[in-house]
């Protein structure tokens, strides 16, 4: 399970050094792709394979499912981190998420999210008060 927030930087070759605590879990391979709210999702390869299987189960007649699969899979890149735990973030994903040198890597359960540091600060500022004020269920039966 991925948890926490890690302020990191892309190097001059647009490589991201993965948080040390997750390098072993991602050492066999990972997939980076477009995420919601214009971040980059990072999945362990096995988790992404299950996601693709779930997407493939959607009926081909469902346009929303086709569109979602197109966006998620056409932007995906599979990587194996080098010995220092670095992965290269593609130009497509850097552009999609407006990534600059400073990034925030978030642990969000089954995945990591990579955000431009300033964009994450704005997103977080806008979400904290509604989170603190929440008084109803978001997911039925959860809390």
N, C-alpha and C. Protein backbone atom coordinates (compact mmCIF):
# COMPACT_ATOMS: atom_id res chain seq x y z
N UNK A 1 0.85 -1.17 0.00
CA UNK A 1 0.00 0.00 0.00
C UNK A 1 0.90 1.23 0.00
N UNK A 2 0.57 2.20 -0.85
CA UNK A 2 1.34 3.43 -0.98
C UNK A 2 0.70 4.52 -0.12
N UNK A 3 1.51 5.15 0.71
CA UNK A 3 1.04 6.20 1.60
C UNK A 3 2.07 7.33 1.66
N UNK A 4 1.62 8.53 1.96
CA UNK A 4 2.54 9.63 2.23
C UNK A 4 2.69 10.59 1.07
N UNK A 5 3.40 11.69 1.35
CA UNK A 5 3.70 12.72 0.36
C UNK A 5 5.21 12.93 0.36
N UNK A 6 5.77 12.97 -0.85
CA UNK A 6 7.21 13.08 -1.01
C UNK A 6 7.54 14.22 -1.96
N UNK A 7 8.15 15.30 -1.47
CA UNK A 7 8.59 16.39 -2.37
C UNK A 7 9.88 15.94 -3.06
N UNK A 8 9.84 15.87 -4.39
CA UNK A 8 10.97 15.38 -5.18
C UNK A 8 11.23 16.30 -6.36
N UNK A 9 12.26 15.97 -7.12
CA UNK A 9 12.62 16.75 -8.31
C UNK A 9 12.89 15.82 -9.48
N UNK A 10 12.51 16.27 -10.67
CA UNK A 10 12.95 15.60 -11.88
C UNK A 10 14.37 16.07 -12.14
N UNK A 11 15.24 15.16 -12.58
CA UNK A 11 16.61 15.57 -12.87
C UNK A 11 16.68 16.16 -14.28
N UNK A 12 17.88 16.49 -14.72
CA UNK A 12 18.06 17.12 -16.03
C UNK A 12 17.67 16.22 -17.20
N UNK A 13 17.59 14.92 -16.96
CA UNK A 13 17.17 13.97 -18.00
C UNK A 13 15.71 13.56 -17.82
N UNK A 14 14.97 14.35 -17.03
CA UNK A 14 13.54 14.10 -16.76
C UNK A 14 13.29 12.75 -16.12
N UNK A 15 14.21 12.36 -15.24
CA UNK A 15 14.04 11.13 -14.48
C UNK A 15 13.54 11.48 -13.09
N UNK A 16 12.71 10.61 -12.58
CA UNK A 16 12.16 10.73 -11.24
C UNK A 16 12.80 9.65 -10.38
N UNK A 17 13.34 10.04 -9.24
CA UNK A 17 13.85 9.06 -8.29
C UNK A 17 12.67 8.65 -7.42
N UNK A 18 12.30 7.39 -7.47
CA UNK A 18 11.16 6.90 -6.71
C UNK A 18 11.45 6.98 -5.21
N UNK A 19 10.42 7.23 -4.39
CA UNK A 19 10.63 7.22 -2.94
C UNK A 19 11.28 5.91 -2.50
N UNK A 20 12.30 6.02 -1.67
CA UNK A 20 13.09 4.85 -1.26
C UNK A 20 12.23 3.73 -0.68
N UNK A 21 11.22 4.09 0.09
CA UNK A 21 10.42 3.05 0.75
C UNK A 21 9.61 2.21 -0.22
N UNK A 22 9.46 2.65 -1.48
CA UNK A 22 8.67 1.91 -2.46
C UNK A 22 9.50 1.31 -3.59
N UNK A 23 10.79 1.49 -3.56
CA UNK A 23 11.63 0.99 -4.66
C UNK A 23 11.56 -0.51 -4.80
N UNK A 24 11.60 -1.25 -3.70
CA UNK A 24 11.55 -2.71 -3.79
C UNK A 24 10.25 -3.18 -4.42
N UNK A 25 9.14 -2.55 -4.03
CA UNK A 25 7.83 -2.94 -4.56
C UNK A 25 7.71 -2.66 -6.05
N UNK A 26 8.44 -1.67 -6.55
CA UNK A 26 8.36 -1.27 -7.95
C UNK A 26 9.54 -1.76 -8.78
N UNK A 27 10.48 -2.47 -8.16
CA UNK A 27 11.72 -2.86 -8.83
C UNK A 27 11.49 -3.77 -10.04
N UNK A 28 10.45 -4.59 -10.01
CA UNK A 28 10.18 -5.52 -11.11
C UNK A 28 9.50 -4.84 -12.30
N UNK A 29 9.03 -3.64 -12.09
CA UNK A 29 8.41 -2.90 -13.18
C UNK A 29 7.19 -2.14 -12.72
N UNK A 30 6.91 -1.08 -13.46
CA UNK A 30 5.78 -0.21 -13.14
C UNK A 30 5.22 0.34 -14.44
N UNK A 31 4.05 0.91 -14.34
CA UNK A 31 3.43 1.58 -15.48
C UNK A 31 3.02 2.97 -15.03
N UNK A 32 3.41 3.96 -15.83
CA UNK A 32 3.00 5.35 -15.61
C UNK A 32 2.00 5.71 -16.70
N UNK A 33 0.95 6.44 -16.32
CA UNK A 33 -0.05 6.83 -17.29
C UNK A 33 -0.77 8.09 -16.83
N UNK A 34 -1.63 8.61 -17.71
CA UNK A 34 -2.43 9.78 -17.36
C UNK A 34 -3.33 9.44 -16.17
N UNK A 35 -3.46 10.41 -15.26
CA UNK A 35 -4.38 10.25 -14.14
C UNK A 35 -5.42 11.36 -14.15
N UNK A 36 -6.42 11.20 -13.31
CA UNK A 36 -7.43 12.23 -13.19
C UNK A 36 -6.82 13.49 -12.59
N UNK A 37 -7.46 14.61 -12.81
CA UNK A 37 -7.01 15.93 -12.35
C UNK A 37 -5.62 16.29 -12.88
N UNK A 38 -5.22 15.68 -13.98
CA UNK A 38 -3.96 15.99 -14.67
C UNK A 38 -2.71 15.72 -13.83
N UNK A 39 -2.72 14.57 -13.19
CA UNK A 39 -1.50 14.08 -12.54
C UNK A 39 -1.05 12.84 -13.32
N UNK A 40 0.04 12.24 -12.91
CA UNK A 40 0.52 11.00 -13.50
C UNK A 40 0.32 9.89 -12.47
N UNK A 41 -0.36 8.82 -12.87
CA UNK A 41 -0.51 7.65 -12.02
C UNK A 41 0.69 6.73 -12.23
N UNK A 42 1.17 6.13 -11.14
CA UNK A 42 2.23 5.13 -11.20
C UNK A 42 1.71 3.88 -10.50
N UNK A 43 1.60 2.80 -11.27
CA UNK A 43 1.10 1.52 -10.75
C UNK A 43 2.19 0.48 -10.79
N UNK A 44 2.25 -0.41 -9.80
CA UNK A 44 3.06 -1.61 -10.00
C UNK A 44 2.52 -2.33 -11.24
N UNK A 45 3.39 -2.97 -11.99
CA UNK A 45 2.96 -3.61 -13.24
C UNK A 45 1.81 -4.59 -13.01
N UNK A 46 1.86 -5.39 -11.97
CA UNK A 46 0.79 -6.37 -11.73
C UNK A 46 -0.55 -5.70 -11.44
N UNK A 47 -0.53 -4.60 -10.73
CA UNK A 47 -1.77 -3.86 -10.46
C UNK A 47 -2.33 -3.30 -11.76
N UNK A 48 -1.45 -2.77 -12.61
CA UNK A 48 -1.90 -2.21 -13.88
C UNK A 48 -2.48 -3.31 -14.78
N UNK A 49 -1.88 -4.48 -14.76
CA UNK A 49 -2.41 -5.59 -15.56
C UNK A 49 -3.83 -5.94 -15.14
N UNK A 50 -4.11 -5.92 -13.84
CA UNK A 50 -5.49 -6.17 -13.35
C UNK A 50 -6.42 -5.06 -13.82
N UNK A 51 -5.95 -3.83 -13.78
CA UNK A 51 -6.76 -2.69 -14.24
C UNK A 51 -7.11 -2.84 -15.72
N UNK A 52 -6.13 -3.23 -16.52
CA UNK A 52 -6.38 -3.44 -17.95
C UNK A 52 -7.39 -4.56 -18.16
N UNK A 53 -7.30 -5.62 -17.38
CA UNK A 53 -8.27 -6.71 -17.49
C UNK A 53 -9.68 -6.22 -17.16
N UNK A 54 -9.79 -5.38 -16.13
CA UNK A 54 -11.10 -4.81 -15.78
C UNK A 54 -11.62 -3.91 -16.90
N UNK A 55 -10.74 -3.09 -17.47
CA UNK A 55 -11.16 -2.22 -18.58
C UNK A 55 -11.60 -3.05 -19.78
N UNK A 56 -10.91 -4.14 -20.02
CA UNK A 56 -11.22 -5.00 -21.17
C UNK A 56 -12.57 -5.69 -21.00
N UNK A 57 -13.03 -5.82 -19.77
CA UNK A 57 -14.31 -6.47 -19.51
C UNK A 57 -15.50 -5.57 -19.84
N UNK A 58 -15.26 -4.27 -19.99
CA UNK A 58 -16.36 -3.34 -20.32
C UNK A 58 -16.83 -3.61 -21.74
N UNK A 59 -18.12 -3.46 -21.98
CA UNK A 59 -18.63 -3.72 -23.33
C UNK A 59 -18.06 -2.72 -24.35
N UNK A 60 -17.71 -3.22 -25.53
CA UNK A 60 -17.20 -2.35 -26.59
C UNK A 60 -18.25 -1.34 -27.04
N UNK A 61 -19.50 -1.59 -26.71
CA UNK A 61 -20.56 -0.67 -27.10
C UNK A 61 -20.67 0.53 -26.17
N UNK A 62 -19.90 0.53 -25.07
CA UNK A 62 -19.94 1.63 -24.10
C UNK A 62 -18.88 2.66 -24.47
N UNK A 63 -19.33 3.78 -25.03
CA UNK A 63 -18.39 4.80 -25.50
C UNK A 63 -17.54 5.37 -24.38
N UNK A 64 -18.11 5.63 -23.21
CA UNK A 64 -17.34 6.18 -22.09
C UNK A 64 -16.21 5.23 -21.70
N UNK A 65 -16.47 3.94 -21.70
CA UNK A 65 -15.44 2.95 -21.37
C UNK A 65 -14.35 2.95 -22.44
N UNK A 66 -14.74 3.04 -23.72
CA UNK A 66 -13.76 3.08 -24.80
C UNK A 66 -12.88 4.32 -24.68
N UNK A 67 -13.51 5.47 -24.43
CA UNK A 67 -12.76 6.72 -24.31
C UNK A 67 -11.79 6.67 -23.13
N UNK A 68 -12.25 6.14 -22.01
CA UNK A 68 -11.41 6.05 -20.82
C UNK A 68 -10.22 5.13 -21.09
N UNK A 69 -10.48 3.98 -21.68
CA UNK A 69 -9.40 3.04 -22.00
C UNK A 69 -8.40 3.67 -22.96
N UNK A 70 -8.89 4.39 -23.96
CA UNK A 70 -7.98 5.05 -24.91
C UNK A 70 -7.05 6.02 -24.20
N UNK A 71 -7.61 6.86 -23.35
CA UNK A 71 -6.78 7.86 -22.67
C UNK A 71 -5.80 7.20 -21.71
N UNK A 72 -6.27 6.23 -20.96
CA UNK A 72 -5.38 5.59 -19.98
C UNK A 72 -4.29 4.80 -20.67
N UNK A 73 -4.63 4.00 -21.67
CA UNK A 73 -3.66 3.09 -22.25
C UNK A 73 -2.76 3.75 -23.29
N UNK A 74 -3.27 4.72 -24.03
CA UNK A 74 -2.44 5.36 -25.05
C UNK A 74 -1.35 6.24 -24.43
N UNK A 75 -1.56 6.66 -23.19
CA UNK A 75 -0.55 7.47 -22.51
C UNK A 75 0.35 6.67 -21.60
N UNK A 76 0.16 5.36 -21.57
CA UNK A 76 0.90 4.53 -20.62
C UNK A 76 2.32 4.23 -21.12
N UNK A 77 3.22 4.15 -20.17
CA UNK A 77 4.59 3.72 -20.46
C UNK A 77 5.02 2.77 -19.37
N UNK A 78 5.60 1.65 -19.79
CA UNK A 78 6.10 0.72 -18.78
C UNK A 78 7.59 0.96 -18.60
N UNK A 79 8.02 0.85 -17.37
CA UNK A 79 9.39 1.16 -17.00
C UNK A 79 9.88 0.13 -15.99
N UNK A 80 11.17 -0.08 -16.00
CA UNK A 80 11.85 -0.81 -14.93
C UNK A 80 12.84 0.17 -14.34
N UNK A 81 12.70 0.49 -13.06
CA UNK A 81 13.62 1.46 -12.45
C UNK A 81 15.08 0.99 -12.55
N UNK A 82 16.00 1.95 -12.71
CA UNK A 82 17.41 1.60 -12.72
C UNK A 82 17.88 1.32 -11.29
N UNK A 83 19.16 1.05 -11.11
CA UNK A 83 19.68 0.67 -9.79
C UNK A 83 19.54 1.76 -8.75
N UNK A 84 19.41 3.01 -9.19
CA UNK A 84 19.21 4.12 -8.26
C UNK A 84 17.73 4.42 -8.02
N UNK A 85 16.84 3.61 -8.60
CA UNK A 85 15.41 3.81 -8.42
C UNK A 85 14.84 4.91 -9.29
N UNK A 86 15.48 5.18 -10.43
CA UNK A 86 15.02 6.26 -11.31
C UNK A 86 14.23 5.70 -12.48
N UNK A 87 13.22 6.47 -12.88
CA UNK A 87 12.44 6.19 -14.09
C UNK A 87 12.31 7.49 -14.87
N UNK A 88 12.29 7.37 -16.18
CA UNK A 88 12.14 8.55 -17.04
C UNK A 88 10.65 8.81 -17.25
N UNK A 89 10.27 10.06 -17.08
CA UNK A 89 8.88 10.47 -17.32
C UNK A 89 8.81 10.98 -18.75
N UNK A 90 7.96 10.38 -19.56
CA UNK A 90 7.88 10.71 -20.99
C UNK A 90 7.44 12.16 -21.21
N UNK A 91 7.80 12.72 -22.36
CA UNK A 91 7.34 14.08 -22.70
C UNK A 91 5.81 14.18 -22.68
N UNK A 92 5.12 13.14 -23.17
CA UNK A 92 3.66 13.16 -23.18
C UNK A 92 3.11 13.32 -21.77
N UNK A 93 3.61 12.54 -20.82
CA UNK A 93 3.11 12.61 -19.45
C UNK A 93 3.53 13.89 -18.76
N UNK A 94 4.75 14.36 -19.02
CA UNK A 94 5.18 15.64 -18.43
C UNK A 94 4.28 16.76 -18.91
N UNK A 95 3.97 16.76 -20.19
CA UNK A 95 3.09 17.79 -20.74
C UNK A 95 1.67 17.68 -20.17
N UNK A 96 1.12 16.47 -20.15
CA UNK A 96 -0.24 16.25 -19.65
C UNK A 96 -0.40 16.78 -18.23
N UNK A 97 0.59 16.49 -17.36
CA UNK A 97 0.49 16.87 -15.95
C UNK A 97 1.20 18.19 -15.65
N UNK A 98 1.67 18.89 -16.69
CA UNK A 98 2.39 20.16 -16.52
C UNK A 98 3.52 20.03 -15.50
N UNK A 99 4.25 18.92 -15.58
CA UNK A 99 5.32 18.70 -14.62
C UNK A 99 6.51 19.59 -14.92
N UNK A 100 6.99 20.24 -13.89
CA UNK A 100 8.21 21.03 -13.98
C UNK A 100 9.26 20.29 -13.16
N UNK A 101 10.28 20.96 -12.76
CA UNK A 101 11.36 20.31 -12.01
C UNK A 101 10.87 19.79 -10.65
N UNK A 102 10.13 20.61 -9.91
CA UNK A 102 9.67 20.23 -8.57
C UNK A 102 8.33 19.52 -8.67
N UNK A 103 8.30 18.31 -8.09
CA UNK A 103 7.08 17.51 -8.11
C UNK A 103 6.76 17.03 -6.71
N UNK A 104 5.51 16.64 -6.53
CA UNK A 104 5.07 15.98 -5.30
C UNK A 104 4.60 14.59 -5.70
N UNK A 105 5.12 13.59 -5.01
CA UNK A 105 4.70 12.21 -5.24
C UNK A 105 3.85 11.80 -4.05
N UNK A 106 2.62 11.37 -4.35
CA UNK A 106 1.66 11.02 -3.31
C UNK A 106 1.41 9.53 -3.32
N UNK A 107 1.38 8.93 -2.14
CA UNK A 107 0.95 7.55 -2.01
C UNK A 107 -0.55 7.53 -1.82
N UNK A 108 -1.26 6.86 -2.74
CA UNK A 108 -2.72 6.87 -2.71
C UNK A 108 -3.24 5.42 -2.78
N UNK A 109 -2.83 4.63 -1.80
CA UNK A 109 -3.30 3.25 -1.73
C UNK A 109 -2.65 2.34 -2.76
N UNK A 110 -3.34 2.09 -3.85
CA UNK A 110 -2.87 1.14 -4.86
C UNK A 110 -1.91 1.76 -5.87
N UNK A 111 -1.69 3.06 -5.77
CA UNK A 111 -0.86 3.74 -6.77
C UNK A 111 -0.13 4.92 -6.14
N UNK A 112 0.84 5.42 -6.88
CA UNK A 112 1.45 6.71 -6.59
C UNK A 112 0.87 7.70 -7.58
N UNK A 113 0.81 8.97 -7.19
CA UNK A 113 0.45 10.04 -8.11
C UNK A 113 1.60 11.03 -8.13
N UNK A 114 1.94 11.50 -9.33
CA UNK A 114 2.99 12.50 -9.49
C UNK A 114 2.32 13.79 -9.94
N UNK A 115 2.52 14.85 -9.16
CA UNK A 115 1.92 16.15 -9.42
C UNK A 115 3.02 17.20 -9.55
N UNK A 116 2.79 18.20 -10.36
CA UNK A 116 3.61 19.39 -10.29
C UNK A 116 3.44 19.95 -8.88
N UNK A 117 4.54 20.33 -8.24
CA UNK A 117 4.48 20.73 -6.82
C UNK A 117 3.52 21.89 -6.58
N UNK A 118 3.55 22.90 -7.44
CA UNK A 118 2.65 24.04 -7.26
C UNK A 118 1.20 23.64 -7.47
N UNK A 119 0.96 22.81 -8.48
CA UNK A 119 -0.41 22.35 -8.75
C UNK A 119 -0.94 21.52 -7.58
N UNK A 120 -0.10 20.66 -6.99
CA UNK A 120 -0.53 19.88 -5.85
C UNK A 120 -0.86 20.79 -4.67
N UNK A 121 -0.05 21.82 -4.43
CA UNK A 121 -0.31 22.74 -3.33
C UNK A 121 -1.68 23.40 -3.51
N UNK A 122 -2.00 23.80 -4.74
CA UNK A 122 -3.32 24.41 -5.01
C UNK A 122 -4.44 23.39 -4.83
N UNK A 123 -4.24 22.20 -5.36
CA UNK A 123 -5.26 21.14 -5.25
C UNK A 123 -5.53 20.82 -3.78
N UNK A 124 -4.46 20.68 -3.02
CA UNK A 124 -4.58 20.35 -1.60
C UNK A 124 -5.28 21.47 -0.84
N UNK A 125 -4.91 22.72 -1.13
CA UNK A 125 -5.53 23.85 -0.44
C UNK A 125 -7.04 23.89 -0.69
N UNK A 126 -7.44 23.56 -1.92
CA UNK A 126 -8.86 23.57 -2.24
C UNK A 126 -9.63 22.37 -1.69
N UNK A 127 -8.93 21.31 -1.36
CA UNK A 127 -9.61 20.08 -0.92
C UNK A 127 -9.62 19.90 0.59
N UNK A 128 -8.73 20.59 1.30
CA UNK A 128 -8.62 20.34 2.74
C UNK A 128 -9.87 20.71 3.52
N UNK A 129 -10.42 21.89 3.27
CA UNK A 129 -11.59 22.30 4.04
C UNK A 129 -12.81 21.45 3.73
N UNK A 130 -13.11 21.17 2.45
CA UNK A 130 -14.23 20.26 2.19
C UNK A 130 -14.03 18.88 2.83
N UNK A 131 -12.78 18.39 2.86
CA UNK A 131 -12.50 17.12 3.52
C UNK A 131 -12.79 17.21 5.01
N UNK A 132 -12.32 18.28 5.65
CA UNK A 132 -12.53 18.46 7.09
C UNK A 132 -14.00 18.63 7.43
N UNK A 133 -14.76 19.25 6.53
CA UNK A 133 -16.17 19.53 6.77
C UNK A 133 -17.12 18.40 6.36
N UNK A 134 -16.61 17.37 5.71
CA UNK A 134 -17.46 16.30 5.18
C UNK A 134 -18.27 15.67 6.31
N UNK A 135 -19.57 15.57 6.12
CA UNK A 135 -20.41 14.96 7.16
C UNK A 135 -21.31 13.86 6.60
N UNK A 136 -21.08 13.47 5.37
CA UNK A 136 -21.85 12.38 4.80
C UNK A 136 -20.94 11.36 4.16
N UNK A 137 -21.55 10.27 3.75
CA UNK A 137 -20.76 9.20 3.13
C UNK A 137 -20.31 9.60 1.73
N UNK A 138 -19.08 9.27 1.41
CA UNK A 138 -18.58 9.39 0.05
C UNK A 138 -18.69 8.02 -0.61
N UNK A 139 -18.20 7.01 0.09
CA UNK A 139 -18.31 5.63 -0.35
C UNK A 139 -19.24 4.94 0.64
N UNK A 140 -20.37 4.39 0.17
CA UNK A 140 -21.31 3.76 1.10
C UNK A 140 -20.63 2.75 2.02
N UNK A 141 -20.90 2.92 3.33
CA UNK A 141 -20.36 2.01 4.33
C UNK A 141 -18.96 2.33 4.80
N UNK A 142 -18.32 3.33 4.21
CA UNK A 142 -16.95 3.70 4.61
C UNK A 142 -17.01 4.89 5.53
N UNK A 143 -16.55 4.73 6.73
CA UNK A 143 -16.54 5.78 7.76
C UNK A 143 -17.90 6.34 7.93
